[in-house]
């Protein structure tokens, strides 16, 4: 049986007697590293929830990366919710800061729709943050296919008021003061296509707009057609800029290929890779990213996938593969922040051995610190996918213990602000300007402090429900 990055169709019996067909299906690809895995088939029980809980128990007992950090005093009979059970079982690992919400239950159908077609699952198409000190809500970015962007909402927009059409508006300030971020989330309504709200907002340029905006199910674009892949002229030097919103959408691999073909055609060797809000996703996309920066490195180790001791036979190395559009970067400035996690950190960490230490940097702020990833285990009957933390990824030097973020791992760091009132891709924006300074050899102030434990953006937090949808798990802050 071969795991890693190879898709499997086999399922594994609960008693681990070997591989075979039938039962629960494999789960939609690994996220942040590794590959598809078979899912244990639980023994049927007398109730639907107990069957789901038994399934979750089997997954953790067999596959969880930190078996000694499972609370084995927890009993399925005490729970009527899979996520609550998972949280209780992995609490010791969470207490040690190495499984901060990484093990979760989600919908097979919703996650597959996101992976395969970029389905937004019913949203306005914006990512929201709130100011933790001033009770204000802003847009980090807007997806071009969403109804909010069409209504005039974009990066830097401030959300002022929310109403169900025909009813009295509630101001965001009042909502935040009365019920905090969750009150704003509730006012925005469920993540369902057709849900409509009257939103009052002020654009970054100062104009105040009120519009009825409906949530819709549209295709999320992992690389923006406006600013996702650019060539920046920095005083006569050409610098490639790429902003990848997420690794979770399979088409991101094709869009990366197109971007690097342009870089190759224009002789680009210096890159700014903007992953500031990218919480990760499919390892296949991360591998493609590496291959596109691996000209002349085919056959060298890109990353290593390491499972628990009882699954060590499944450990494997991933190698650079040939890509016609590949380049060999001589300098790379990665833009990251507290929301930069998982597959994003995998790419940064895996490039460290292949770039001169003087020529690679982390720009912005420390990253989240997630060197581990999840396999997906499916119980089809209940549309249940358990994403369990099952492996760690290391780079070619064997380095992969960055639970406190990458600021202490990347050879150079430069502190920079995230200016949400300047468009992404604009060289005037502070993080991009600082990245250009690093590439040009100009001095900067280093990032200080240990790991960011929340997905923060300069005193602002991503607006995120306690129980995110499948899409919100992968693209935090999406509404």
Protein backbone atom coordinates (compact mmCIF):
# COMPACT_ATOMS: atom_id res chain seq x y z
CA UNK A 1 0.00 0.00 0.00
CA UNK A 2 1.46 3.33 -1.06
CA UNK A 3 0.37 6.61 0.47
CA UNK A 4 2.15 9.89 0.07
CA UNK A 5 0.96 11.68 -3.04
CA UNK A 6 -0.62 8.75 -4.83
CA UNK A 7 -4.40 8.54 -4.99
CA UNK A 8 -5.79 5.34 -3.54
CA UNK A 9 -9.09 3.66 -4.14
CA UNK A 10 -8.69 0.98 -1.49
CA UNK A 11 -10.28 1.15 1.93
CA UNK A 12 -8.82 -0.14 5.14
CA UNK A 13 -10.76 -2.47 7.39
CA UNK A 14 -11.19 -1.37 10.95
CA UNK A 15 -9.07 -4.25 12.20
CA UNK A 16 -6.26 -3.22 9.80
CA UNK A 17 -6.15 -6.59 8.09
CA UNK A 18 -5.13 -5.03 4.80
CA UNK A 19 -6.37 -3.13 1.77
CA UNK A 20 -9.57 -3.91 -0.04
CA UNK A 21 -12.65 -2.51 -1.70
CA UNK A 22 -15.96 -1.36 -0.32
CA UNK A 23 -16.90 0.57 2.78
CA UNK A 24 -15.92 4.18 3.26
CA UNK A 25 -14.08 5.96 0.48
CA UNK A 26 -10.78 7.77 0.43
CA UNK A 27 -11.04 11.42 1.25
CA UNK A 28 -10.49 14.03 -1.38
CA UNK A 29 -6.72 14.44 -1.30
CA UNK A 30 -4.38 15.39 1.51
CA UNK A 31 -4.09 18.98 2.54
CA UNK A 32 -0.71 20.51 3.34
CA UNK A 33 1.21 17.34 2.49
CA UNK A 34 1.02 13.60 1.93
CA UNK A 35 -1.64 12.02 -0.25
CA UNK A 36 -4.99 10.27 -0.37
CA UNK A 37 -5.50 7.61 2.23
CA UNK A 38 -8.05 4.86 2.76
CA UNK A 39 -10.50 5.33 5.58
CA UNK A 40 -11.26 2.82 8.31
CA UNK A 41 -14.68 1.26 8.10
CA UNK A 42 -16.41 1.35 11.50
CA UNK A 43 -18.57 -1.37 12.93
CA UNK A 44 -22.23 -0.29 12.46
CA UNK A 45 -23.98 0.84 15.63
CA UNK A 46 -27.54 1.46 16.62
CA UNK A 47 -27.63 5.21 15.89
CA UNK A 48 -26.37 7.42 13.09
CA UNK A 49 -24.39 9.72 15.39
CA UNK A 50 -22.78 6.80 17.20
CA UNK A 51 -21.75 5.33 13.87
CA UNK A 52 -20.12 8.63 12.92
CA UNK A 53 -18.41 8.88 16.30
CA UNK A 54 -17.13 5.31 16.02
CA UNK A 55 -15.73 6.19 12.60
CA UNK A 56 -13.96 9.27 14.00
CA UNK A 57 -12.58 7.18 16.86
CA UNK A 58 -11.19 4.61 14.44
CA UNK A 59 -9.53 7.29 12.33
CA UNK A 60 -7.75 8.86 15.30
CA UNK A 61 -6.72 5.58 16.89
CA UNK A 62 -5.18 4.33 13.67
CA UNK A 63 -3.81 7.41 11.96
CA UNK A 64 -3.38 10.39 14.31
CA UNK A 65 0.15 11.75 14.10
CA UNK A 66 0.56 12.12 17.87
CA UNK A 67 -0.98 8.96 19.36
CA UNK A 68 0.53 9.64 22.78
CA UNK A 69 -1.32 12.98 22.81
CA UNK A 70 -4.78 11.52 22.37
CA UNK A 71 -7.02 11.57 25.42
CA UNK A 72 -8.03 7.93 25.62
CA UNK A 73 -10.32 8.54 28.56
CA UNK A 74 -12.78 10.22 26.18
CA UNK A 75 -15.71 7.97 25.28
CA UNK A 76 -17.91 8.29 22.20
CA UNK A 77 -21.00 7.59 24.32
CA UNK A 78 -20.55 10.98 25.97
CA UNK A 79 -20.97 12.91 22.73
CA UNK A 80 -23.61 13.66 20.14
CA UNK A 81 -21.41 15.74 17.83
CA UNK A 82 -18.37 14.59 15.87
CA UNK A 83 -16.45 17.87 16.12
CA UNK A 84 -16.92 18.04 19.88
CA UNK A 85 -15.58 14.49 20.13
CA UNK A 86 -12.55 15.26 17.95
CA UNK A 87 -11.79 18.36 20.02
CA UNK A 88 -11.90 16.35 23.22
CA UNK A 89 -9.68 13.54 21.92
CA UNK A 90 -6.94 15.86 20.61
CA UNK A 91 -7.06 18.27 23.56
CA UNK A 92 -3.61 17.18 24.87
CA UNK A 93 -2.02 17.96 21.50
CA UNK A 94 -3.85 21.28 21.40
CA UNK A 95 -2.53 22.09 24.89
CA UNK A 96 0.99 21.61 23.51
CA UNK A 97 0.18 23.98 20.62
CA UNK A 98 0.73 21.38 17.88
CA UNK A 99 -2.89 20.78 16.80
CA UNK A 100 -4.60 24.13 16.83
CA UNK A 101 -7.86 23.20 15.15
CA UNK A 102 -6.13 21.09 12.51
CA UNK A 103 -8.29 18.02 13.14
CA UNK A 104 -11.89 18.62 12.12
CA UNK A 105 -15.05 17.21 10.59
CA UNK A 106 -16.46 18.62 7.38
CA UNK A 107 -18.75 17.89 4.43
CA UNK A 108 -17.50 15.60 1.67
CA UNK A 109 -19.74 17.22 -0.94
CA UNK A 110 -18.87 20.80 -0.02
CA UNK A 111 -15.12 20.22 0.18
CA UNK A 112 -15.05 18.26 -3.08
CA UNK A 113 -17.00 21.03 -4.80
CA UNK A 114 -14.43 23.54 -3.56
CA UNK A 115 -11.48 21.41 -4.68
CA UNK A 116 -12.88 20.40 -8.06
CA UNK A 117 -14.67 23.56 -9.20
CA UNK A 118 -13.72 26.27 -6.73
CA UNK A 119 -17.30 26.41 -5.43
CA UNK A 120 -17.83 29.28 -2.99
CA UNK A 121 -20.67 27.35 -1.36
CA UNK A 122 -22.91 30.43 -1.21
CA UNK A 123 -21.14 33.70 -0.38
CA UNK A 124 -20.95 37.39 -1.20
CA UNK A 125 -17.37 36.72 -2.35
CA UNK A 126 -15.47 38.77 0.25
CA UNK A 127 -13.00 38.02 3.02
CA UNK A 128 -13.68 40.01 6.18
CA UNK A 129 -11.60 41.08 9.17
CA UNK A 130 -12.52 43.01 12.27
CA UNK A 131 -10.51 45.55 14.22
CA UNK A 132 -10.06 44.05 17.67
CA UNK A 133 -9.82 47.46 19.34
CA UNK A 134 -12.30 49.60 17.42
CA UNK A 135 -15.17 47.22 16.58
CA UNK A 136 -14.93 47.85 12.83
CA UNK A 137 -15.14 45.35 9.96
CA UNK A 138 -13.16 45.64 6.71
CA UNK A 139 -12.60 43.71 3.49
CA UNK A 140 -9.20 42.09 2.95
CA UNK A 141 -10.07 41.16 -0.61
CA UNK A 142 -12.98 40.54 -2.97
CA UNK A 143 -13.38 37.76 -5.49
CA UNK A 144 -14.07 39.11 -8.94
CA UNK A 145 -16.87 36.61 -9.66
CA UNK A 146 -18.81 37.46 -6.50
CA UNK A 147 -21.81 39.74 -6.23
CA UNK A 148 -20.15 41.97 -3.63
CA UNK A 149 -17.37 42.96 -6.02
CA UNK A 150 -19.96 43.77 -8.69
CA UNK A 151 -21.72 46.02 -6.15
CA UNK A 152 -18.53 48.00 -5.50
CA UNK A 153 -16.96 46.22 -2.53
CA UNK A 154 -13.20 45.62 -2.69
CA UNK A 155 -10.05 45.59 -0.57
CA UNK A 156 -10.18 48.33 2.07
CA UNK A 157 -13.99 48.65 2.04
CA UNK A 158 -15.47 49.13 5.52
CA UNK A 159 -18.77 47.42 6.30
CA UNK A 160 -21.02 49.86 8.17
CA UNK A 161 -24.48 48.31 8.35
CA UNK A 162 -26.40 45.10 7.68
CA UNK A 163 -30.11 44.47 7.16
CA UNK A 164 -32.41 41.85 5.78
CA UNK A 165 -34.12 43.65 2.85
CA UNK A 166 -37.17 45.55 4.07
CA UNK A 167 -36.10 45.46 7.72
CA UNK A 168 -34.27 47.95 9.92
CA UNK A 169 -30.52 48.16 9.52
CA UNK A 170 -28.22 47.21 12.37
CA UNK A 171 -24.94 49.05 12.45
CA UNK A 172 -21.79 46.98 12.56
CA UNK A 173 -20.58 49.05 15.50
CA UNK A 174 -23.71 48.19 17.52
CA UNK A 175 -23.51 44.53 16.54
CA UNK A 176 -19.88 44.28 17.58
CA UNK A 177 -20.47 46.01 20.89
CA UNK A 178 -23.53 43.92 21.70
CA UNK A 179 -22.42 40.48 20.56
CA UNK A 180 -18.93 40.67 19.17
CA UNK A 181 -17.86 39.17 15.82
CA UNK A 182 -20.44 36.39 16.04
CA UNK A 183 -23.24 38.97 15.99
CA UNK A 184 -21.93 40.29 12.67
CA UNK A 185 -21.65 36.75 11.34
CA UNK A 186 -25.24 36.04 12.35
CA UNK A 187 -26.48 39.23 10.72
CA UNK A 188 -24.81 38.29 7.43
CA UNK A 189 -27.00 35.19 7.27
CA UNK A 190 -26.37 31.55 6.36
CA UNK A 191 -23.87 30.48 3.70
CA UNK A 192 -26.52 29.68 1.11
CA UNK A 193 -26.98 30.91 -2.43
CA UNK A 194 -29.89 33.35 -2.64
CA UNK A 195 -29.55 34.76 0.87
CA UNK A 196 -29.74 38.53 0.42
CA UNK A 197 -28.69 41.35 2.68
CA UNK A 198 -28.81 45.12 2.38
CA UNK A 199 -25.25 46.21 3.07
CA UNK A 200 -24.08 49.76 3.72
CA UNK A 201 -20.38 50.25 3.21
CA UNK A 202 -17.76 52.88 2.57
CA UNK A 203 -15.28 52.24 -0.23
CA UNK A 204 -11.56 52.77 0.20
CA UNK A 205 -11.92 55.98 -1.82
CA UNK A 206 -14.47 57.41 0.64
CA UNK A 207 -17.81 56.92 -1.14
CA UNK A 208 -20.65 55.41 0.93
CA UNK A 209 -22.87 52.89 -0.87
CA UNK A 210 -25.99 50.94 0.11
CA UNK A 211 -26.83 47.88 -1.98
CA UNK A 212 -28.88 44.70 -1.86
CA UNK A 213 -26.38 41.88 -2.40
CA UNK A 214 -27.23 38.19 -2.75
CA UNK A 215 -24.96 35.33 -1.85
CA UNK A 216 -24.23 33.02 -4.77
CA UNK A 217 -22.34 29.86 -5.58
CA UNK A 218 -19.61 30.91 -7.98
CA UNK A 219 -16.13 29.74 -8.87
CA UNK A 220 -13.44 31.14 -6.58
CA UNK A 221 -10.37 32.17 -8.56
CA UNK A 222 -7.11 31.14 -6.80
CA UNK A 223 -5.04 33.67 -8.77
CA UNK A 224 -6.74 36.99 -9.42
CA UNK A 225 -6.89 38.17 -13.02
CA UNK A 226 -6.33 41.71 -11.69
CA UNK A 227 -3.25 41.31 -9.50
CA UNK A 228 -2.52 37.60 -9.12
CA UNK A 229 0.44 37.39 -11.50
CA UNK A 230 2.36 40.51 -12.50
CA UNK A 231 5.76 41.69 -13.62
CA UNK A 232 6.83 44.70 -11.57
CA UNK A 233 9.34 47.15 -13.00
CA UNK A 234 11.53 48.18 -10.07
CA UNK A 235 13.82 50.88 -11.40
CA UNK A 236 14.44 48.96 -14.61
CA UNK A 237 14.68 45.52 -13.00
CA UNK A 238 11.89 43.07 -13.76
CA UNK A 239 10.48 41.24 -10.73
CA UNK A 240 7.87 38.52 -10.91
CA UNK A 241 4.98 38.91 -8.46
CA UNK A 242 2.49 36.15 -7.74
CA UNK A 243 -0.37 36.23 -5.26
CA UNK A 244 -1.86 32.80 -4.60
CA UNK A 245 -5.07 33.04 -2.58
CA UNK A 246 -5.38 29.34 -1.76
CA UNK A 247 -3.90 25.93 -2.55
CA UNK A 248 -7.21 24.12 -2.05
CA UNK A 249 -8.61 24.63 -5.58
CA UNK A 250 -7.15 22.12 -8.02
CA UNK A 251 -7.10 24.61 -10.91
CA UNK A 252 -4.52 26.66 -9.01
CA UNK A 253 -1.89 24.32 -10.48
CA UNK A 254 -2.86 25.29 -14.04
CA UNK A 255 -2.94 28.98 -13.15
CA UNK A 256 0.51 28.73 -11.62
CA UNK A 257 1.79 27.14 -14.81
CA UNK A 258 0.45 30.08 -16.84
CA UNK A 259 2.07 32.59 -14.51
CA UNK A 260 5.47 30.92 -14.62
CA UNK A 261 5.32 30.58 -18.39
CA UNK A 262 5.09 34.39 -18.48
CA UNK A 263 7.96 34.71 -16.01
CA UNK A 264 10.07 32.31 -18.04
CA UNK A 265 9.35 34.14 -21.30
CA UNK A 266 10.42 37.42 -19.72
CA UNK A 267 13.59 36.04 -18.14
CA UNK A 268 12.41 36.56 -14.55
CA UNK A 269 14.77 35.24 -11.87
CA UNK A 270 13.67 37.33 -8.87
CA UNK A 271 10.28 36.64 -7.31
CA UNK A 272 7.85 38.07 -4.78
CA UNK A 273 5.52 35.28 -3.69
CA UNK A 274 2.58 36.74 -1.79
CA UNK A 275 0.97 34.20 0.55
CA UNK A 276 -0.15 36.65 3.22
CA UNK A 277 -3.70 35.26 3.63
CA UNK A 278 -3.10 31.79 2.24
CA UNK A 279 -4.05 29.15 4.79
CA UNK A 280 -2.93 26.25 2.59
CA UNK A 281 -4.74 23.46 0.76
CA UNK A 282 -3.79 20.70 -1.64
CA UNK A 283 -0.27 19.33 -1.56
CA UNK A 284 -0.50 18.63 -5.29
CA UNK A 285 -0.63 22.39 -5.85
CA UNK A 286 2.29 22.96 -3.45
CA UNK A 287 4.29 20.34 -5.35
CA UNK A 288 3.48 22.03 -8.64
CA UNK A 289 4.64 25.35 -7.18
CA UNK A 290 7.94 23.73 -6.27
CA UNK A 291 8.37 22.12 -9.68
CA UNK A 292 7.86 25.52 -11.31
CA UNK A 293 10.80 26.85 -9.28
CA UNK A 294 12.89 23.76 -9.89
CA UNK A 295 14.54 24.19 -13.27
CA UNK A 296 17.83 22.31 -13.02
CA UNK A 297 16.74 20.49 -9.86
CA UNK A 298 14.74 17.60 -11.31
CA UNK A 299 15.23 14.53 -9.11
CA UNK A 300 16.29 16.51 -6.03
CA UNK A 301 14.19 16.20 -2.88
CA UNK A 302 11.40 18.78 -2.62
CA UNK A 303 9.85 17.59 0.65
CA UNK A 304 9.48 14.60 2.93
CA UNK A 305 6.24 13.25 4.37
CA UNK A 306 6.56 11.64 7.80
CA UNK A 307 3.75 9.70 9.50
CA UNK A 308 3.47 8.23 13.02
CA UNK A 309 5.82 5.36 13.87
CA UNK A 310 3.22 2.67 13.21
CA UNK A 311 2.76 4.09 9.69
CA UNK A 312 6.44 4.73 8.97
CA UNK A 313 6.33 2.35 6.00
CA UNK A 314 4.25 5.03 4.29
CA UNK A 315 6.86 7.79 4.71
CA UNK A 316 8.17 9.10 1.43
CA UNK A 317 10.07 11.83 -0.31
CA UNK A 318 8.66 14.06 -3.05
CA UNK A 319 11.11 15.07 -5.79
CA UNK A 320 11.25 18.00 -8.16
CA UNK A 321 9.66 17.00 -11.46
CA UNK A 322 10.19 18.47 -14.89
CA UNK A 323 7.97 21.41 -15.82
CA UNK A 324 8.32 23.13 -19.22
CA UNK A 325 7.55 26.52 -17.63
CA UNK A 326 9.99 26.16 -14.72
CA UNK A 327 12.52 28.81 -13.78
CA UNK A 328 15.46 28.88 -11.35
CA UNK A 329 14.87 31.78 -8.96
CA UNK A 330 18.00 33.49 -7.72
CA UNK A 331 16.16 35.61 -5.12
CA UNK A 332 12.78 35.09 -3.45
CA UNK A 333 10.85 37.34 -1.09
CA UNK A 334 7.90 35.48 0.46
CA UNK A 335 5.18 37.70 1.91
CA UNK A 336 3.51 36.07 4.88
CA UNK A 337 1.51 36.85 8.00
CA UNK A 338 -0.36 35.06 10.76
CA UNK A 339 -2.77 33.63 8.20
CA UNK A 340 0.02 32.05 6.17
CA UNK A 341 -0.14 28.37 7.04
CA UNK A 342 0.14 24.76 6.00
CA UNK A 343 0.87 24.32 2.27
CA UNK A 344 2.07 27.95 2.14
CA UNK A 345 4.63 27.22 4.82
CA UNK A 346 5.53 23.94 3.11
CA UNK A 347 6.51 25.86 -0.05
CA UNK A 348 8.55 28.42 1.86
CA UNK A 349 10.32 25.83 3.99
CA UNK A 350 11.03 23.54 1.04
CA UNK A 351 12.72 26.32 -0.94
CA UNK A 352 15.14 27.25 1.84
CA UNK A 353 17.76 24.61 0.92
CA UNK A 354 17.76 25.69 -2.74
CA UNK A 355 18.29 29.45 -2.51
CA UNK A 356 21.43 31.23 -1.33
CA UNK A 357 20.74 32.12 2.34
CA UNK A 358 21.39 35.79 1.58
CA UNK A 359 18.74 35.80 -1.13
CA UNK A 360 15.60 34.40 0.54
CA UNK A 361 13.41 36.23 3.04
CA UNK A 362 10.09 36.26 4.83
CA UNK A 363 8.42 39.66 4.50
CA UNK A 364 5.59 40.96 6.65
CA UNK A 365 5.12 39.04 9.90
CA UNK A 366 5.61 35.59 11.38
CA UNK A 367 3.59 32.76 9.88
CA UNK A 368 1.05 30.58 11.64
CA UNK A 369 3.23 27.55 12.34
CA UNK A 370 1.60 24.46 10.84
CA UNK A 371 4.21 21.94 9.66
CA UNK A 372 1.62 19.16 9.73
CA UNK A 373 -1.18 18.14 7.40
CA UNK A 374 -4.34 16.09 7.20
CA UNK A 375 -5.58 13.13 5.28
CA UNK A 376 -9.28 13.00 4.58
CA UNK A 377 -11.32 10.00 5.76
CA UNK A 378 -14.82 9.65 4.35
CA UNK A 379 -18.00 8.12 5.66
CA UNK A 380 -20.10 8.55 2.55
CA UNK A 381 -23.47 7.64 4.04
CA UNK A 382 -23.40 10.70 6.28
CA UNK A 383 -21.49 13.12 4.02
CA UNK A 384 -18.81 13.08 6.71
CA UNK A 385 -15.14 13.72 6.08
CA UNK A 386 -12.77 13.63 9.04
CA UNK A 387 -9.66 15.67 8.38
CA UNK A 388 -7.22 14.20 10.86
CA UNK A 389 -3.69 15.45 11.49
CA UNK A 390 -1.67 12.53 10.19
CA UNK A 391 1.76 13.66 8.97
CA UNK A 392 4.54 16.23 9.17
CA UNK A 393 6.43 17.64 6.20
CA UNK A 394 10.16 18.32 6.22
CA UNK A 395 12.36 19.99 3.65
CA UNK A 396 15.37 18.40 1.96
CA UNK A 397 17.51 19.31 4.97
CA UNK A 398 15.14 17.45 7.31
CA UNK A 399 13.81 20.66 8.84
CA UNK A 400 10.12 20.75 9.72
CA UNK A 401 9.65 21.76 13.36
CA UNK A 402 8.30 25.26 12.82
CA UNK A 403 5.31 25.19 15.18
CA UNK A 404 6.27 28.72 16.27
CA UNK A 405 6.19 29.99 12.68
CA UNK A 406 8.83 30.42 10.02
CA UNK A 407 10.35 33.70 11.20
CA UNK A 408 13.05 31.81 13.10
CA UNK A 409 13.64 29.42 10.19
CA UNK A 410 13.91 31.58 7.06
CA UNK A 411 17.45 33.07 6.88
CA UNK A 412 16.22 36.67 6.52
CA UNK A 413 13.08 38.48 7.68
CA UNK A 414 11.71 41.97 7.10
CA UNK A 415 8.85 43.41 9.14
CA UNK A 416 6.20 45.08 6.99
CA UNK A 417 2.67 46.38 7.42
CA UNK A 418 -0.33 45.02 5.55
CA UNK A 419 -1.89 48.14 4.07
CA UNK A 420 -5.43 47.05 3.24
CA UNK A 421 -6.19 50.45 1.69
CA UNK A 422 -3.76 49.90 -1.18
CA UNK A 423 -4.55 47.22 -3.80
CA UNK A 424 -2.69 43.93 -3.75
CA UNK A 425 -0.02 43.81 -6.43
CA UNK A 426 0.65 47.55 -6.11
CA UNK A 427 4.36 48.25 -5.44
CA UNK A 428 3.31 51.10 -3.12
CA UNK A 429 1.74 48.63 -0.66
CA UNK A 430 4.07 48.31 2.31
CA UNK A 431 4.70 44.55 2.21
CA UNK A 432 5.37 44.60 -1.53
CA UNK A 433 7.55 47.70 -1.25
CA UNK A 434 9.56 46.03 1.52
CA UNK A 435 9.92 42.87 -0.59
CA UNK A 436 11.27 44.96 -3.46
CA UNK A 437 13.70 46.62 -1.05
CA UNK A 438 14.99 43.21 0.09
CA UNK A 439 15.48 42.04 -3.49
CA UNK A 440 17.37 45.25 -4.22
CA UNK A 441 19.66 44.76 -1.21
CA UNK A 442 18.23 47.60 0.85
CA UNK A 443 18.12 47.16 4.66
CA UNK A 444 14.97 46.37 6.67
CA UNK A 445 13.82 45.72 10.23
CA UNK A 446 13.65 42.05 11.15
CA UNK A 447 10.48 40.32 12.29
CA UNK A 448 10.58 39.77 16.04
CA UNK A 449 8.54 37.64 18.42
CA UNK A 450 7.38 34.06 18.40
CA UNK A 451 4.60 32.39 16.47
CA UNK A 452 1.31 34.08 15.69
CA UNK A 453 -1.34 31.98 17.37
CA UNK A 454 -4.26 33.56 15.53
CA UNK A 455 -4.67 34.48 11.90
CA UNK A 456 -4.16 38.16 12.66
CA UNK A 457 -3.54 41.05 10.32
CA UNK A 458 -1.94 44.00 12.14
CA UNK A 459 -4.38 44.20 15.02
CA UNK A 460 -7.26 42.77 13.02
CA UNK A 461 -8.66 39.24 13.15
CA UNK A 462 -10.32 37.26 10.41
CA UNK A 463 -14.07 37.08 10.87
CA UNK A 464 -14.67 33.37 11.32
CA UNK A 465 -17.59 31.41 12.82
CA UNK A 466 -16.98 28.85 15.54
CA UNK A 467 -18.14 26.15 13.13
CA UNK A 468 -16.85 27.19 9.69
CA UNK A 469 -18.29 25.75 6.52
CA UNK A 470 -16.06 23.48 4.42
CA UNK A 471 -15.10 26.51 2.33
CA UNK A 472 -14.40 28.71 5.36
CA UNK A 473 -12.11 26.06 6.84
CA UNK A 474 -9.92 26.39 3.77
CA UNK A 475 -10.45 30.11 3.07
CA UNK A 476 -10.91 31.73 6.49
CA UNK A 477 -12.94 34.92 6.57
CA UNK A 478 -14.95 34.15 3.43
CA UNK A 479 -18.55 35.43 3.43
